[in-house]
Structure formats: C-alpha cells, structure tokens
Amino acid sequence: MEVNFNLSNKRAIAGVIILAALIGLAFYLPNIFTYFEPQVCTVDGVCQHEQYAKFMTELIPVFVVVGIVIGALVFFFMSSRLENKQKDISNLSAVLVQFLGKDERLVVQKLLDNDGKVLQAELSRTEGLGKLKSHRIIQRLVDRQVVEVEKFGKTNIVKLSKGIKDALVAKK
C-alpha cells in the first residue's frame, strides 16, 4: 500500500496545527504558573507533593501539544526540501533525455518509468522498436555507460547504470 501526500497545501496544514497548539497552550498556561515545586508537606492535610504530582499529570497535554508543534515545523521545513529535490531530479532527467536520440530517449524513458530496470524483450515490444533495433540502441547506451545489461534466462535485464539510477530514479 502506497501513501502519497499532496504537499501543495502544506502551509495550510502547518498553520492549522500551530493554531491548535496555541489554543491548547492557552488553556493550560494558567495552570503552569499556579503550581511551584513544594518544599515540605503542609499540616492541614493537603500534601504539596501530591499537588505537584497532579500538576505534572496536567502537563502531559502540554507536552503532547509541544511535540505536535515541533513535528509540524519539522514536516514543514523538510517537505520543502524534499519537494525541491524532486524538482531537481525531474529537471536532471529531462536534461539527460535531451542529449539522447529519439529512440534512445524512448528506451531511457521506459527505464525511468519502471524504476530503472526492464526486460529487453519488453523493450523490443515497444512501438517503433523491433528486436534488432532495440538491441542496437541498448548497445549504444551500454557503450556510453548509460545502461547495464544482465543476463536473465533467454533474455536480458536492462538497467540504468548505478550513478545514473541514483541521480534520476526518485526513491519511494
């Protein structure tokens, strides 16, 4: 099961989470200032240590709210970096594909669509490519060190070379 997050409305999500955290803090802030760490128990039957323990249990929601705020801020700042990295990867793949011929672009695009590897037999069934033409294109790409070929039964597995795969195929 794959979960995809739409990062286009991340500012709104972060704003709602921060607003909820501020409202939560507003409810618990008066309680924070009313309690202080006790030094001794009182004589009139109320133990200062029990009040301190009660105060600490009332602080649990505050810690939860602070954790949510910190998580939202980390998500907000890291998601923008992730989004920029994905744009850079797509730009890099577009530049690489422009330096290739029409048929080579077709093969590399098929590899990019299939996470960097595909059977050569599947490439030969691509429209506009036959067995001989796909073999020659793959051989040219192997000579340029764009792809690697690995034997797999009666056919081959064509893979993007390690450096190119690391640069172009987005990690899921």
C-alpha atoms as a PDB file:
ATOM      1  CA  MET A   1       0.000   0.000   0.000  1.00  0.00           C
ATOM      2  CA  GLU A   2       1.448   3.329  -1.050  1.00  0.00           C
ATOM      3  CA  VAL A   3       0.504   6.593   0.652  1.00  0.00           C
ATOM      4  CA  ASN A   4       1.056   9.812  -1.259  1.00  0.00           C
ATOM      5  CA  PHE A   5       0.927  13.202   0.415  1.00  0.00           C
ATOM      6  CA  ASN A   6      -0.039  16.273  -1.519  1.00  0.00           C
ATOM      7  CA  LEU A   7       2.465  18.917  -0.443  1.00  0.00           C
ATOM      8  CA  SER A   8       0.714  21.793  -2.226  1.00  0.00           C
ATOM      9  CA  ASN A   9      -1.307  22.744   0.859  1.00  0.00           C
ATOM     10  CA  LYS A  10       1.407  22.140   3.452  1.00  0.00           C
ATOM     11  CA  ARG A  11       1.328  25.742   4.671  1.00  0.00           C
ATOM     12  CA  ALA A  12      -2.370  25.449   5.488  1.00  0.00           C
ATOM     13  CA  ILE A  13      -1.823  22.158   7.329  1.00  0.00           C
ATOM     14  CA  ALA A  14       1.078  23.604   9.310  1.00  0.00           C
ATOM     15  CA  GLY A  15      -0.992  26.696  10.127  1.00  0.00           C
ATOM     16  CA  VAL A  16      -3.909  24.631  11.453  1.00  0.00           C
ATOM     17  CA  ILE A  17      -1.593  22.505  13.588  1.00  0.00           C
ATOM     18  CA  ILE A  18       0.181  25.555  15.020  1.00  0.00           C
ATOM     19  CA  LEU A  19      -3.174  27.244  15.717  1.00  0.00           C
ATOM     20  CA  ALA A  20      -4.431  24.142  17.544  1.00  0.00           C
ATOM     21  CA  ALA A  21      -1.218  24.045  19.556  1.00  0.00           C
ATOM     22  CA  LEU A  22      -1.552  27.691  20.555  1.00  0.00           C
ATOM     23  CA  ILE A  23      -5.169  27.157  21.641  1.00  0.00           C
ATOM     24  CA  GLY A  24      -4.082  24.146  23.698  1.00  0.00           C
ATOM     25  CA  LEU A  25      -1.305  26.167  25.313  1.00  0.00           C
ATOM     26  CA  ALA A  26      -3.750  28.968  26.106  1.00  0.00           C
ATOM     27  CA  PHE A  27      -5.917  26.520  28.094  1.00  0.00           C
ATOM     28  CA  TYR A  28      -3.011  25.035  30.057  1.00  0.00           C
ATOM     29  CA  LEU A  29      -0.809  28.115  30.526  1.00  0.00           C
ATOM     30  CA  PRO A  30      -2.658  29.440  33.604  1.00  0.00           C
ATOM     31  CA  ASN A  31      -2.217  26.062  35.335  1.00  0.00           C
ATOM     32  CA  ILE A  32       1.516  26.143  34.729  1.00  0.00           C
ATOM     33  CA  PHE A  33       2.038  29.343  36.699  1.00  0.00           C
ATOM     34  CA  THR A  34      -0.161  28.351  39.666  1.00  0.00           C
ATOM     35  CA  TYR A  35       1.969  25.404  40.741  1.00  0.00           C
ATOM     36  CA  PHE A  36       5.500  25.506  42.088  1.00  0.00           C
ATOM     37  CA  GLU A  37       7.732  22.734  43.312  1.00  0.00           C
ATOM     38  CA  PRO A  38       6.883  22.107  47.008  1.00  0.00           C
ATOM     39  CA  GLN A  39       9.482  22.115  49.755  1.00  0.00           C
ATOM     40  CA  VAL A  40       7.522  20.491  52.625  1.00  0.00           C
ATOM     41  CA  CYS A  41       4.121  18.910  53.260  1.00  0.00           C
ATOM     42  CA  THR A  42       1.513  21.092  54.939  1.00  0.00           C
ATOM     43  CA  VAL A  43      -0.049  20.316  58.264  1.00  0.00           C
ATOM     44  CA  ASP A  44      -3.673  20.931  57.279  1.00  0.00           C
ATOM     45  CA  GLY A  45      -3.906  17.584  55.442  1.00  0.00           C
ATOM     46  CA  VAL A  46      -3.013  18.694  51.907  1.00  0.00           C
ATOM     47  CA  CYS A  47       0.323  17.295  50.733  1.00  0.00           C
ATOM     48  CA  GLN A  48       2.330  19.574  48.474  1.00  0.00           C
ATOM     49  CA  HIS A  49       3.902  16.543  46.803  1.00  0.00           C
ATOM     50  CA  GLU A  50       0.502  15.237  45.721  1.00  0.00           C
ATOM     51  CA  GLN A  51      -0.347  18.636  44.260  1.00  0.00           C
ATOM     52  CA  TYR A  52       2.983  18.600  42.408  1.00  0.00           C
ATOM     53  CA  ALA A  53       2.241  15.103  41.035  1.00  0.00           C
ATOM     54  CA  LYS A  54      -1.222  16.298  39.949  1.00  0.00           C
ATOM     55  CA  PHE A  55       0.376  19.297  38.253  1.00  0.00           C
ATOM     56  CA  MET A  56       2.783  17.028  36.370  1.00  0.00           C
ATOM     57  CA  THR A  57      -0.103  14.882  35.114  1.00  0.00           C
ATOM     58  CA  GLU A  58      -1.851  18.038  33.913  1.00  0.00           C
ATOM     59  CA  LEU A  59       1.287  18.946  31.949  1.00  0.00           C
ATOM     60  CA  ILE A  60       1.077  15.830  29.769  1.00  0.00           C
ATOM     61  CA  PRO A  61      -1.262  17.519  27.222  1.00  0.00           C
ATOM     62  CA  VAL A  62       1.138  20.473  27.067  1.00  0.00           C
ATOM     63  CA  PHE A  63       3.988  18.133  26.176  1.00  0.00           C
ATOM     64  CA  VAL A  64       1.801  16.498  23.541  1.00  0.00           C
ATOM     65  CA  VAL A  65       0.917  19.871  22.019  1.00  0.00           C
ATOM     66  CA  VAL A  66       4.564  20.972  22.012  1.00  0.00           C
ATOM     67  CA  GLY A  67       5.503  17.675  20.328  1.00  0.00           C
ATOM     68  CA  ILE A  68       2.862  18.226  17.660  1.00  0.00           C
ATOM     69  CA  VAL A  69       4.105  21.761  17.006  1.00  0.00           C
ATOM     70  CA  ILE A  70       7.704  20.587  16.709  1.00  0.00           C
ATOM     71  CA  GLY A  71       6.616  17.759  14.395  1.00  0.00           C
ATOM     72  CA  ALA A  72       4.642  20.177  12.220  1.00  0.00           C
ATOM     73  CA  LEU A  73       7.589  22.535  11.943  1.00  0.00           C
ATOM     74  CA  VAL A  74       9.968  19.718  11.027  1.00  0.00           C
ATOM     75  CA  PHE A  75       7.479  18.444   8.440  1.00  0.00           C
ATOM     76  CA  PHE A  76       7.056  21.930   7.020  1.00  0.00           C
ATOM     77  CA  PHE A  77      10.762  22.588   6.579  1.00  0.00           C
ATOM     78  CA  MET A  78      11.734  19.084   5.435  1.00  0.00           C
ATOM     79  CA  SER A  79       8.879  18.756   2.946  1.00  0.00           C
ATOM     80  CA  SER A  80      10.002  21.866   1.099  1.00  0.00           C
ATOM     81  CA  ARG A  81      13.498  20.391   0.785  1.00  0.00           C
ATOM     82  CA  LEU A  82      12.043  17.109  -0.447  1.00  0.00           C
ATOM     83  CA  GLU A  83       9.884  18.936  -2.962  1.00  0.00           C
ATOM     84  CA  ASN A  84      12.925  20.866  -4.250  1.00  0.00           C
ATOM     85  CA  LYS A  85      14.923  17.633  -4.551  1.00  0.00           C
ATOM     86  CA  GLN A  86      12.138  16.016  -6.581  1.00  0.00           C
ATOM     87  CA  LYS A  87      12.063  19.030  -8.921  1.00  0.00           C
ATOM     88  CA  ASP A  88      15.849  18.826  -9.337  1.00  0.00           C
ATOM     89  CA  ILE A  89      15.622  15.121 -10.185  1.00  0.00           C
ATOM     90  CA  SER A  90      12.923  15.701 -12.797  1.00  0.00           C
ATOM     91  CA  ASN A  91      14.946  18.569 -14.324  1.00  0.00           C
ATOM     92  CA  LEU A  92      18.072  16.395 -14.408  1.00  0.00           C
ATOM     93  CA  SER A  93      16.253  13.544 -16.123  1.00  0.00           C
ATOM     94  CA  ALA A  94      14.804  15.964 -18.687  1.00  0.00           C
ATOM     95  CA  VAL A  95      18.302  17.290 -19.458  1.00  0.00           C
ATOM     96  CA  LEU A  96      19.728  13.775 -19.846  1.00  0.00           C
ATOM     97  CA  VAL A  97      16.923  12.725 -22.135  1.00  0.00           C
ATOM     98  CA  GLN A  98      17.519  15.762 -24.380  1.00  0.00           C
ATOM     99  CA  PHE A  99      21.080  14.596 -25.114  1.00  0.00           C
ATOM    100  CA  LEU A 100      19.835  11.267 -26.445  1.00  0.00           C
ATOM    101  CA  GLY A 101      18.431  10.384 -29.833  1.00  0.00           C
ATOM    102  CA  LYS A 102      14.716   9.798 -30.370  1.00  0.00           C
ATOM    103  CA  ASP A 103      14.891   6.019 -29.988  1.00  0.00           C
ATOM    104  CA  GLU A 104      17.370   6.220 -27.102  1.00  0.00           C
ATOM    105  CA  ARG A 105      15.008   8.632 -25.335  1.00  0.00           C
ATOM    106  CA  LEU A 106      12.241   6.089 -25.719  1.00  0.00           C
ATOM    107  CA  VAL A 107      14.354   3.366 -24.084  1.00  0.00           C
ATOM    108  CA  VAL A 108      15.590   5.576 -21.237  1.00  0.00           C
ATOM    109  CA  GLN A 109      12.079   6.900 -20.576  1.00  0.00           C
ATOM    110  CA  LYS A 110      10.797   3.319 -20.388  1.00  0.00           C
ATOM    111  CA  LEU A 111      13.572   2.550 -17.884  1.00  0.00           C
ATOM    112  CA  LEU A 112      12.697   5.633 -15.815  1.00  0.00           C
ATOM    113  CA  ASP A 113       9.036   4.634 -15.787  1.00  0.00           C
ATOM    114  CA  ASN A 114       9.960   1.147 -14.492  1.00  0.00           C
ATOM    115  CA  ASP A 115      12.276   2.188 -11.612  1.00  0.00           C
ATOM    116  CA  GLY A 116      15.447   1.823 -13.651  1.00  0.00           C
ATOM    117  CA  LYS A 117      15.173  -1.730 -14.994  1.00  0.00           C
ATOM    118  CA  VAL A 118      13.185  -3.570 -17.638  1.00  0.00           C
ATOM    119  CA  LEU A 119      13.422  -6.767 -19.661  1.00  0.00           C
ATOM    120  CA  GLN A 120      14.969  -6.376 -23.108  1.00  0.00           C
ATOM    121  CA  ALA A 121      12.106  -8.418 -24.547  1.00  0.00           C
ATOM    122  CA  GLU A 122       9.687  -5.831 -23.195  1.00  0.00           C
ATOM    123  CA  LEU A 123      11.718  -3.053 -24.811  1.00  0.00           C
ATOM    124  CA  SER A 124      11.620  -4.872 -28.151  1.00  0.00           C
ATOM    125  CA  ARG A 125       7.798  -4.937 -27.937  1.00  0.00           C
ATOM    126  CA  THR A 126       7.693  -1.146 -27.582  1.00  0.00           C
ATOM    127  CA  GLU A 127       6.017   0.555 -30.516  1.00  0.00           C
ATOM    128  CA  GLY A 128       8.582   1.641 -33.101  1.00  0.00           C
ATOM    129  CA  LEU A 129      11.294  -0.729 -31.842  1.00  0.00           C
ATOM    130  CA  GLY A 130      11.982  -4.247 -33.015  1.00  0.00           C
ATOM    131  CA  LYS A 131      14.376  -6.836 -31.643  1.00  0.00           C
ATOM    132  CA  LEU A 132      17.322  -5.719 -33.764  1.00  0.00           C
ATOM    133  CA  LYS A 133      16.707  -2.004 -33.332  1.00  0.00           C
ATOM    134  CA  SER A 134      16.260  -2.295 -29.554  1.00  0.00           C
ATOM    135  CA  HIS A 135      19.453  -4.408 -29.356  1.00  0.00           C
ATOM    136  CA  ARG A 136      21.443  -1.758 -31.244  1.00  0.00           C
ATOM    137  CA  ILE A 137      20.039   1.088 -29.134  1.00  0.00           C
ATOM    138  CA  ILE A 138      20.842  -0.781 -25.938  1.00  0.00           C
ATOM    139  CA  GLN A 139      24.358  -1.493 -27.185  1.00  0.00           C
ATOM    140  CA  ARG A 140      24.913   2.224 -27.888  1.00  0.00           C
ATOM    141  CA  LEU A 141      23.665   3.071 -24.401  1.00  0.00           C
ATOM    142  CA  VAL A 142      25.953   0.416 -22.899  1.00  0.00           C
ATOM    143  CA  ASP A 143      28.915   1.918 -24.782  1.00  0.00           C
ATOM    144  CA  ARG A 144      28.053   5.343 -23.299  1.00  0.00           C
ATOM    145  CA  GLN A 145      27.682   3.721 -19.853  1.00  0.00           C
ATOM    146  CA  VAL A 146      24.083   4.872 -19.521  1.00  0.00           C
ATOM    147  CA  VAL A 147      22.729   1.328 -19.049  1.00  0.00           C
ATOM    148  CA  GLU A 148      23.991  -2.072 -17.967  1.00  0.00           C
ATOM    149  CA  VAL A 149      22.860  -5.424 -19.328  1.00  0.00           C
ATOM    150  CA  GLU A 150      22.469  -8.514 -17.156  1.00  0.00           C
ATOM    151  CA  LYS A 151      21.584 -11.979 -18.462  1.00  0.00           C
ATOM    152  CA  PHE A 152      18.202 -13.304 -17.345  1.00  0.00           C
ATOM    153  CA  GLY A 153      17.298 -16.653 -18.876  1.00  0.00           C
ATOM    154  CA  LYS A 154      16.825 -16.289 -22.638  1.00  0.00           C
ATOM    155  CA  THR A 155      16.565 -12.507 -22.400  1.00  0.00           C
ATOM    156  CA  ASN A 156      18.420  -9.679 -20.685  1.00  0.00           C
ATOM    157  CA  ILE A 157      17.567  -7.238 -17.948  1.00  0.00           C
ATOM    158  CA  VAL A 158      18.454  -3.725 -18.984  1.00  0.00           C
ATOM    159  CA  LYS A 159      19.240  -1.457 -16.031  1.00  0.00           C
ATOM    160  CA  LEU A 160      20.241   2.148 -15.713  1.00  0.00           C
ATOM    161  CA  SER A 161      23.858   2.372 -14.589  1.00  0.00           C
ATOM    162  CA  LYS A 162      24.265   2.843 -10.839  1.00  0.00           C
ATOM    163  CA  GLY A 163      25.300   6.508 -10.938  1.00  0.00           C
ATOM    164  CA  ILE A 164      22.530   7.493 -13.313  1.00  0.00           C
ATOM    165  CA  LYS A 165      19.930   5.500 -11.414  1.00  0.00           C
ATOM    166  CA  ASP A 166      20.919   7.134  -8.117  1.00  0.00           C
ATOM    167  CA  ALA A 167      20.622  10.564  -9.722  1.00  0.00           C
ATOM    168  CA  LEU A 168      17.416  10.077 -11.701  1.00  0.00           C
ATOM    169  CA  VAL A 169      15.131   7.496 -10.135  1.00  0.00           C
ATOM    170  CA  ALA A 170      13.269   9.002  -7.177  1.00  0.00           C
ATOM    171  CA  LYS A 171      13.269   6.911  -4.008  1.00  0.00           C
ATOM    172  CA  LYS A 172       9.786   5.850  -2.984  1.00  0.00           C
END
